PDB file of N, CA and C in Angstrom:
ATOM      1  N   MET A   1       0.847  -1.168   0.000  1.00  0.00           N
ATOM      2  CA  MET A   1       0.000   0.000   0.000  1.00  0.00           C
ATOM      3  C   MET A   1       0.897   1.237   0.000  1.00  0.00           C
ATOM      4  N   GLU A   2       0.504   2.211  -0.734  1.00  0.00           N
ATOM      5  CA  GLU A   2       1.216   3.482  -0.744  1.00  0.00           C
ATOM      6  C   GLU A   2       0.281   4.573  -0.277  1.00  0.00           C
ATOM      7  N   VAL A   3       0.817   5.474   0.513  1.00  0.00           N
ATOM      8  CA  VAL A   3       0.068   6.627   0.980  1.00  0.00           C
ATOM      9  C   VAL A   3       0.873   7.862   0.607  1.00  0.00           C
ATOM     10  N   HIS A   4       0.207   8.840   0.051  1.00  0.00           N
ATOM     11  CA  HIS A   4       0.885  10.064  -0.359  1.00  0.00           C
ATOM     12  C   HIS A   4       0.405  11.212   0.518  1.00  0.00           C
ATOM     13  N   PHE A   5       1.359  11.982   1.019  1.00  0.00           N
ATOM     14  CA  PHE A   5       1.052  13.122   1.874  1.00  0.00           C
ATOM     15  C   PHE A   5       1.380  14.408   1.142  1.00  0.00           C
ATOM     16  N   ASN A   6       0.708  15.484   1.527  1.00  0.00           N
ATOM     17  CA  ASN A   6       1.072  16.771   0.949  1.00  0.00           C
ATOM     18  C   ASN A   6       2.466  17.136   1.465  1.00  0.00           C
ATOM     19  N   PRO A   7       3.170  18.034   0.791  1.00  0.00           N
ATOM     20  CA  PRO A   7       4.558  18.333   1.160  1.00  0.00           C
ATOM     21  C   PRO A   7       4.746  18.775   2.611  1.00  0.00           C
ATOM     22  N   ASP A   8       3.821  19.571   3.148  1.00  0.00           N
ATOM     23  CA  ASP A   8       3.956  20.022   4.535  1.00  0.00           C
ATOM     24  C   ASP A   8       3.870  18.851   5.511  1.00  0.00           C
ATOM     25  N   LEU A   9       2.902  17.987   5.289  1.00  0.00           N
ATOM     26  CA  LEU A   9       2.743  16.833   6.166  1.00  0.00           C
ATOM     27  C   LEU A   9       3.912  15.863   6.013  1.00  0.00           C
ATOM     28  N   GLN A  10       4.379  15.683   4.820  1.00  0.00           N
ATOM     29  CA  GLN A  10       5.540  14.828   4.573  1.00  0.00           C
ATOM     30  C   GLN A  10       6.760  15.366   5.313  1.00  0.00           C
ATOM     31  N   ALA A  11       6.954  16.678   5.284  1.00  0.00           N
ATOM     32  CA  ALA A  11       8.089  17.286   5.980  1.00  0.00           C
ATOM     33  C   ALA A  11       7.973  17.079   7.486  1.00  0.00           C
ATOM     34  N   LYS A  12       6.773  17.248   8.043  1.00  0.00           N
ATOM     35  CA  LYS A  12       6.563  17.033   9.480  1.00  0.00           C
ATOM     36  C   LYS A  12       6.828  15.585   9.853  1.00  0.00           C
ATOM     37  N   LEU A  13       6.347  14.677   9.029  1.00  0.00           N
ATOM     38  CA  LEU A  13       6.550  13.256   9.279  1.00  0.00           C
ATOM     39  C   LEU A  13       8.037  12.916   9.261  1.00  0.00           C
ATOM     40  N   THR A  14       8.726  13.394   8.254  1.00  0.00           N
ATOM     41  CA  THR A  14      10.158  13.117   8.138  1.00  0.00           C
ATOM     42  C   THR A  14      10.927  13.717   9.309  1.00  0.00           C
ATOM     43  N   GLN A  15      10.576  14.939   9.676  1.00  0.00           N
ATOM     44  CA  GLN A  15      11.247  15.592  10.804  1.00  0.00           C
ATOM     45  C   GLN A  15      11.010  14.822  12.102  1.00  0.00           C
ATOM     46  N   ARG A  16       9.773  14.438  12.342  1.00  0.00           N
ATOM     47  CA  ARG A  16       9.453  13.713  13.580  1.00  0.00           C
ATOM     48  C   ARG A  16      10.150  12.366  13.618  1.00  0.00           C
ATOM     49  N   ALA A  17      10.138  11.661  12.505  1.00  0.00           N
ATOM     50  CA  ALA A  17      10.808  10.363  12.448  1.00  0.00           C
ATOM     51  C   ALA A  17      12.301  10.521  12.709  1.00  0.00           C
ATOM     52  N   THR A  18      12.896  11.543  12.121  1.00  0.00           N
ATOM     53  CA  THR A  18      14.326  11.790  12.326  1.00  0.00           C
ATOM     54  C   THR A  18      14.613  12.096  13.789  1.00  0.00           C
ATOM     55  N   GLN A  19      13.775  12.915  14.415  1.00  0.00           N
ATOM     56  CA  GLN A  19      13.944  13.239  15.835  1.00  0.00           C
ATOM     57  C   GLN A  19      13.886  11.992  16.706  1.00  0.00           C
ATOM     58  N   GLN A  20      13.068  11.043  16.302  1.00  0.00           N
ATOM     59  CA  GLN A  20      12.893   9.812  17.077  1.00  0.00           C
ATOM     60  C   GLN A  20      13.881   8.735  16.664  1.00  0.00           C
ATOM     61  N   GLY A  21      14.675   9.010  15.634  1.00  0.00           N
ATOM     62  CA  GLY A  21      15.615   8.005  15.146  1.00  0.00           C
ATOM     63  C   GLY A  21      14.904   6.826  14.505  1.00  0.00           C
ATOM     64  N   ARG A  22      13.806   7.120  13.848  1.00  0.00           N
ATOM     65  CA  ARG A  22      12.992   6.059  13.256  1.00  0.00           C
ATOM     66  C   ARG A  22      12.774   6.311  11.779  1.00  0.00           C
ATOM     67  N   ASN A  23      12.265   5.302  11.110  1.00  0.00           N
ATOM     68  CA  ASN A  23      11.892   5.379   9.714  1.00  0.00           C
ATOM     69  C   ASN A  23      10.481   5.971   9.639  1.00  0.00           C
ATOM     70  N   PRO A  24      10.220   6.878   8.696  1.00  0.00           N
ATOM     71  CA  PRO A  24       8.858   7.435   8.586  1.00  0.00           C
ATOM     72  C   PRO A  24       7.773   6.373   8.436  1.00  0.00           C
ATOM     73  N   ASP A  25       8.072   5.269   7.739  1.00  0.00           N
ATOM     74  CA  ASP A  25       7.073   4.197   7.596  1.00  0.00           C
ATOM     75  C   ASP A  25       6.675   3.627   8.953  1.00  0.00           C
ATOM     76  N   GLU A  26       7.655   3.476   9.858  1.00  0.00           N
ATOM     77  CA  GLU A  26       7.361   2.951  11.203  1.00  0.00           C
ATOM     78  C   GLU A  26       6.469   3.911  11.968  1.00  0.00           C
ATOM     79  N   VAL A  27       6.758   5.198  11.843  1.00  0.00           N
ATOM     80  CA  VAL A  27       5.957   6.204  12.544  1.00  0.00           C
ATOM     81  C   VAL A  27       4.512   6.150  12.049  1.00  0.00           C
ATOM     82  N   VAL A  28       4.327   6.079  10.750  1.00  0.00           N
ATOM     83  CA  VAL A  28       2.973   6.028  10.188  1.00  0.00           C
ATOM     84  C   VAL A  28       2.251   4.770  10.656  1.00  0.00           C
ATOM     85  N   GLN A  29       2.937   3.633  10.640  1.00  0.00           N
ATOM     86  CA  GLN A  29       2.293   2.396  11.088  1.00  0.00           C
ATOM     87  C   GLN A  29       1.880   2.491  12.551  1.00  0.00           C
ATOM     88  N   ASP A  30       2.742   3.067  13.394  1.00  0.00           N
ATOM     89  CA  ASP A  30       2.389   3.235  14.808  1.00  0.00           C
ATOM     90  C   ASP A  30       1.195   4.160  14.981  1.00  0.00           C
ATOM     91  N   VAL A  31       1.183   5.255  14.239  1.00  0.00           N
ATOM     92  CA  VAL A  31       0.080   6.212  14.348  1.00  0.00           C
ATOM     93  C   VAL A  31      -1.236   5.567  13.926  1.00  0.00           C
ATOM     94  N   VAL A  32      -1.221   4.836  12.839  1.00  0.00           N
ATOM     95  CA  VAL A  32      -2.445   4.195  12.357  1.00  0.00           C
ATOM     96  C   VAL A  32      -2.897   3.116  13.342  1.00  0.00           C
ATOM     97  N   ALA A  33      -1.957   2.349  13.878  1.00  0.00           N
ATOM     98  CA  ALA A  33      -2.306   1.315  14.861  1.00  0.00           C
ATOM     99  C   ALA A  33      -2.949   1.947  16.095  1.00  0.00           C
ATOM    100  N   ARG A  34      -2.358   3.054  16.589  1.00  0.00           N
ATOM    101  CA  ARG A  34      -2.928   3.733  17.761  1.00  0.00           C
ATOM    102  C   ARG A  34      -4.306   4.299  17.450  1.00  0.00           C
ATOM    103  N   TYR A  35      -4.483   4.803  16.231  1.00  0.00           N
ATOM    104  CA  TYR A  35      -5.791   5.320  15.839  1.00  0.00           C
ATOM    105  C   TYR A  35      -6.855   4.220  15.945  1.00  0.00           C
ATOM    106  N   PHE A  36      -6.553   3.044  15.387  1.00  0.00           N
ATOM    107  CA  PHE A  36      -7.535   1.964  15.421  1.00  0.00           C
ATOM    108  C   PHE A  36      -7.778   1.465  16.844  1.00  0.00           C
ATOM    109  N   GLU A  37      -6.737   1.432  17.679  1.00  0.00           N
ATOM    110  CA  GLU A  37      -6.926   1.040  19.086  1.00  0.00           C
ATOM    111  C   GLU A  37      -7.851   2.025  19.789  1.00  0.00           C
ATOM    112  N   GLU A  38      -7.620   3.318  19.564  1.00  0.00           N
ATOM    113  CA  GLU A  38      -8.460   4.334  20.193  1.00  0.00           C
ATOM    114  C   GLU A  38      -9.890   4.270  19.660  1.00  0.00           C
ATOM    115  N   GLU A  39     -10.028   4.045  18.376  1.00  0.00           N
ATOM    116  CA  GLU A  39     -11.359   3.910  17.777  1.00  0.00           C
ATOM    117  C   GLU A  39     -12.110   2.724  18.393  1.00  0.00           C
ATOM    118  N   ASP A  40     -11.424   1.608  18.578  1.00  0.00           N
ATOM    119  CA  ASP A  40     -12.042   0.434  19.203  1.00  0.00           C
ATOM    120  C   ASP A  40     -12.466   0.735  20.632  1.00  0.00           C
ATOM    121  N   ARG A  41     -11.598   1.443  21.390  1.00  0.00           N
ATOM    122  CA  ARG A  41     -11.957   1.808  22.772  1.00  0.00           C
ATOM    123  C   ARG A  41     -13.181   2.722  22.798  1.00  0.00           C
ATOM    124  N   PHE A  42     -13.237   3.661  21.866  1.00  0.00           N
ATOM    125  CA  PHE A  42     -14.366   4.583  21.813  1.00  0.00           C
ATOM    126  C   PHE A  42     -15.664   3.841  21.517  1.00  0.00           C
ATOM    127  N   VAL A  43     -15.635   2.975  20.518  1.00  0.00           N
ATOM    128  CA  VAL A  43     -16.839   2.216  20.145  1.00  0.00           C
ATOM    129  C   VAL A  43     -17.298   1.362  21.330  1.00  0.00           C
ATOM    130  N   GLU A  44     -16.362   0.735  22.019  1.00  0.00           N
ATOM    131  CA  GLU A  44     -16.722  -0.089  23.179  1.00  0.00           C
ATOM    132  C   GLU A  44     -17.337   0.765  24.290  1.00  0.00           C
ATOM    133  N   ALA A  45     -16.790   1.947  24.515  1.00  0.00           N
ATOM    134  CA  ALA A  45     -17.337   2.837  25.541  1.00  0.00           C
ATOM    135  C   ALA A  45     -18.754   3.273  25.184  1.00  0.00           C
ATOM    136  N   VAL A  46     -18.998   3.554  23.925  1.00  0.00           N
ATOM    137  CA  VAL A  46     -20.345   3.933  23.488  1.00  0.00           C
ATOM    138  C   VAL A  46     -21.302   2.768  23.707  1.00  0.00           C
ATOM    139  N   LYS A  47     -20.882   1.564  23.373  1.00  0.00           N
ATOM    140  CA  LYS A  47     -21.738   0.392  23.580  1.00  0.00           C
ATOM    141  C   LYS A  47     -22.054   0.198  25.056  1.00  0.00           C
ATOM    142  N   ARG A  48     -21.043   0.383  25.931  1.00  0.00           N
ATOM    143  CA  ARG A  48     -21.295   0.262  27.376  1.00  0.00           C
ATOM    144  C   ARG A  48     -22.284   1.335  27.835  1.00  0.00           C
ATOM    145  N   GLY A  49     -22.131   2.540  27.304  1.00  0.00           N
ATOM    146  CA  GLY A  49     -23.047   3.622  27.662  1.00  0.00           C
ATOM    147  C   GLY A  49     -24.472   3.342  27.204  1.00  0.00           C
ATOM    148  N   GLU A  50     -24.595   2.822  26.002  1.00  0.00           N
ATOM    149  CA  GLU A  50     -25.933   2.488  25.499  1.00  0.00           C
ATOM    150  C   GLU A  50     -26.568   1.374  26.327  1.00  0.00           C
ATOM    151  N   ALA A  51     -25.770   0.390  26.717  1.00  0.00           N
ATOM    152  CA  ALA A  51     -26.291  -0.699  27.538  1.00  0.00           C
ATOM    153  C   ALA A  51     -26.735  -0.177  28.905  1.00  0.00           C
ATOM    154  N   ALA A  52     -25.951   0.727  29.483  1.00  0.00           N
ATOM    155  CA  ALA A  52     -26.328   1.314  30.771  1.00  0.00           C
ATOM    156  C   ALA A  52     -27.622   2.110  30.640  1.00  0.00           C
ATOM    157  N   LEU A  53     -27.750   2.833  29.557  1.00  0.00           N
ATOM    158  CA  LEU A  53     -28.965   3.608  29.321  1.00  0.00           C
ATOM    159  C   LEU A  53     -30.177   2.690  29.213  1.00  0.00           C
ATOM    160  N   GLU A  54     -30.029   1.580  28.509  1.00  0.00           N
ATOM    161  CA  GLU A  54     -31.131   0.624  28.381  1.00  0.00           C
ATOM    162  C   GLU A  54     -31.514   0.024  29.729  1.00  0.00           C
ATOM    163  N   ARG A  55     -30.531  -0.100  30.637  1.00  0.00           N
ATOM    164  CA  ARG A  55     -30.821  -0.617  31.983  1.00  0.00           C
ATOM    165  C   ARG A  55     -31.365   0.463  32.901  1.00  0.00           C
ATOM    166  N   GLY A  56     -31.450   1.695  32.390  1.00  0.00           N
ATOM    167  CA  GLY A  56     -31.952   2.791  33.207  1.00  0.00           C
ATOM    168  C   GLY A  56     -30.891   3.420  34.083  1.00  0.00           C
ATOM    169  N   GLU A  57     -29.638   3.141  33.804  1.00  0.00           N
ATOM    170  CA  GLU A  57     -28.526   3.682  34.590  1.00  0.00           C
ATOM    171  C   GLU A  57     -27.997   4.934  33.893  1.00  0.00           C
ATOM    172  N   PHE A  58     -28.483   6.081  34.332  1.00  0.00           N
ATOM    173  CA  PHE A  58     -28.028   7.332  33.738  1.00  0.00           C
ATOM    174  C   PHE A  58     -28.233   8.461  34.730  1.00  0.00           C
ATOM    175  N   LEU A  59     -27.601   9.582  34.455  1.00  0.00           N
ATOM    176  CA  LEU A  59     -27.767  10.777  35.268  1.00  0.00           C
ATOM    177  C   LEU A  59     -28.621  11.775  34.505  1.00  0.00           C
ATOM    178  N   THR A  60     -29.432  12.527  35.236  1.00  0.00           N
ATOM    179  CA  THR A  60     -30.169  13.616  34.609  1.00  0.00           C
ATOM    180  C   THR A  60     -29.197  14.765  34.353  1.00  0.00           C
ATOM    181  N   HIS A  61     -29.628  15.712  33.582  1.00  0.00           N
ATOM    182  CA  HIS A  61     -28.813  16.899  33.312  1.00  0.00           C
ATOM    183  C   HIS A  61     -28.446  17.593  34.621  1.00  0.00           C
ATOM    184  N   GLU A  62     -29.411  17.694  35.514  1.00  0.00           N
ATOM    185  CA  GLU A  62     -29.175  18.350  36.800  1.00  0.00           C
ATOM    186  C   GLU A  62     -28.167  17.574  37.643  1.00  0.00           C
ATOM    187  N   GLN A  63     -28.295  16.258  37.681  1.00  0.00           N
ATOM    188  CA  GLN A  63     -27.348  15.440  38.448  1.00  0.00           C
ATOM    189  C   GLN A  63     -25.932  15.583  37.893  1.00  0.00           C
ATOM    190  N   MET A  64     -25.818  15.617  36.600  1.00  0.00           N
ATOM    191  CA  MET A  64     -24.503  15.765  35.995  1.00  0.00           C
ATOM    192  C   MET A  64     -23.909  17.129  36.329  1.00  0.00           C
ATOM    193  N   GLY A  65     -24.749  18.163  36.290  1.00  0.00           N
ATOM    194  CA  GLY A  65     -24.295  19.501  36.658  1.00  0.00           C
ATOM    195  C   GLY A  65     -23.805  19.552  38.086  1.00  0.00           C
ATOM    196  N   GLU A  66     -24.531  18.891  39.010  1.00  0.00           N
ATOM    197  CA  GLU A  66     -24.125  18.854  40.411  1.00  0.00           C
ATOM    198  C   GLU A  66     -22.787  18.137  40.580  1.00  0.00           C
ATOM    199  N   ARG A  67     -22.618  17.010  39.908  1.00  0.00           N
ATOM    200  CA  ARG A  67     -21.346  16.279  39.987  1.00  0.00           C
ATOM    201  C   ARG A  67     -20.197  17.117  39.444  1.00  0.00           C
ATOM    202  N   LEU A  68     -20.423  17.778  38.338  1.00  0.00           N
ATOM    203  CA  LEU A  68     -19.378  18.607  37.749  1.00  0.00           C
ATOM    204  C   LEU A  68     -19.034  19.761  38.673  1.00  0.00           C
ATOM    205  N   TRP A  69     -20.028  20.368  39.254  1.00  0.00           N
ATOM    206  CA  TRP A  69     -19.796  21.475  40.181  1.00  0.00           C
ATOM    207  C   TRP A  69     -18.967  21.009  41.369  1.00  0.00           C
ATOM    208  N   ARG A  70     -19.315  19.858  41.958  1.00  0.00           N
ATOM    209  CA  ARG A  70     -18.546  19.325  43.095  1.00  0.00           C
ATOM    210  C   ARG A  70     -17.112  18.979  42.675  1.00  0.00           C
ATOM    211  N   PHE A  71     -16.962  18.442  41.495  1.00  0.00           N
ATOM    212  CA  PHE A  71     -15.640  18.070  40.995  1.00  0.00           C
ATOM    213  C   PHE A  71     -14.734  19.282  40.850  1.00  0.00           C
ATOM    214  N   LEU A  72     -15.309  20.403  40.431  1.00  0.00           N
ATOM    215  CA  LEU A  72     -14.517  21.591  40.182  1.00  0.00           C
ATOM    216  C   LEU A  72     -14.248  22.430  41.421  1.00  0.00           C
ATOM    217  N   GLN A  73     -14.830  22.047  42.543  1.00  0.00           N
ATOM    218  CA  GLN A  73     -14.596  22.792  43.780  1.00  0.00           C
ATOM    219  C   GLN A  73     -13.216  22.459  44.349  1.00  0.00           C
ATOM    220  N   PRO A  74     -12.519  23.475  44.881  1.00  0.00           N
ATOM    221  CA  PRO A  74     -11.166  23.202  45.453  1.00  0.00           C
ATOM    222  C   PRO A  74     -11.229  22.360  46.703  1.00  0.00           C
TER     223      PRO A  74
END
């Protein structure tokens, strides 16, 4: 597979890879792998949230506001 980047992005990629002492291909593979891992975590979190909602486990807008207010207090 080949991926083509615009010149600015290519320069950033090359610079970052050089700073890390790595090959740009390795950096791209790591970035894409992390993207898919994060995407999987997000989808799973949404599914857990939907399941909780179906079980009736949720906070009202007011309850969430109260929790946030308490959290932000020193």
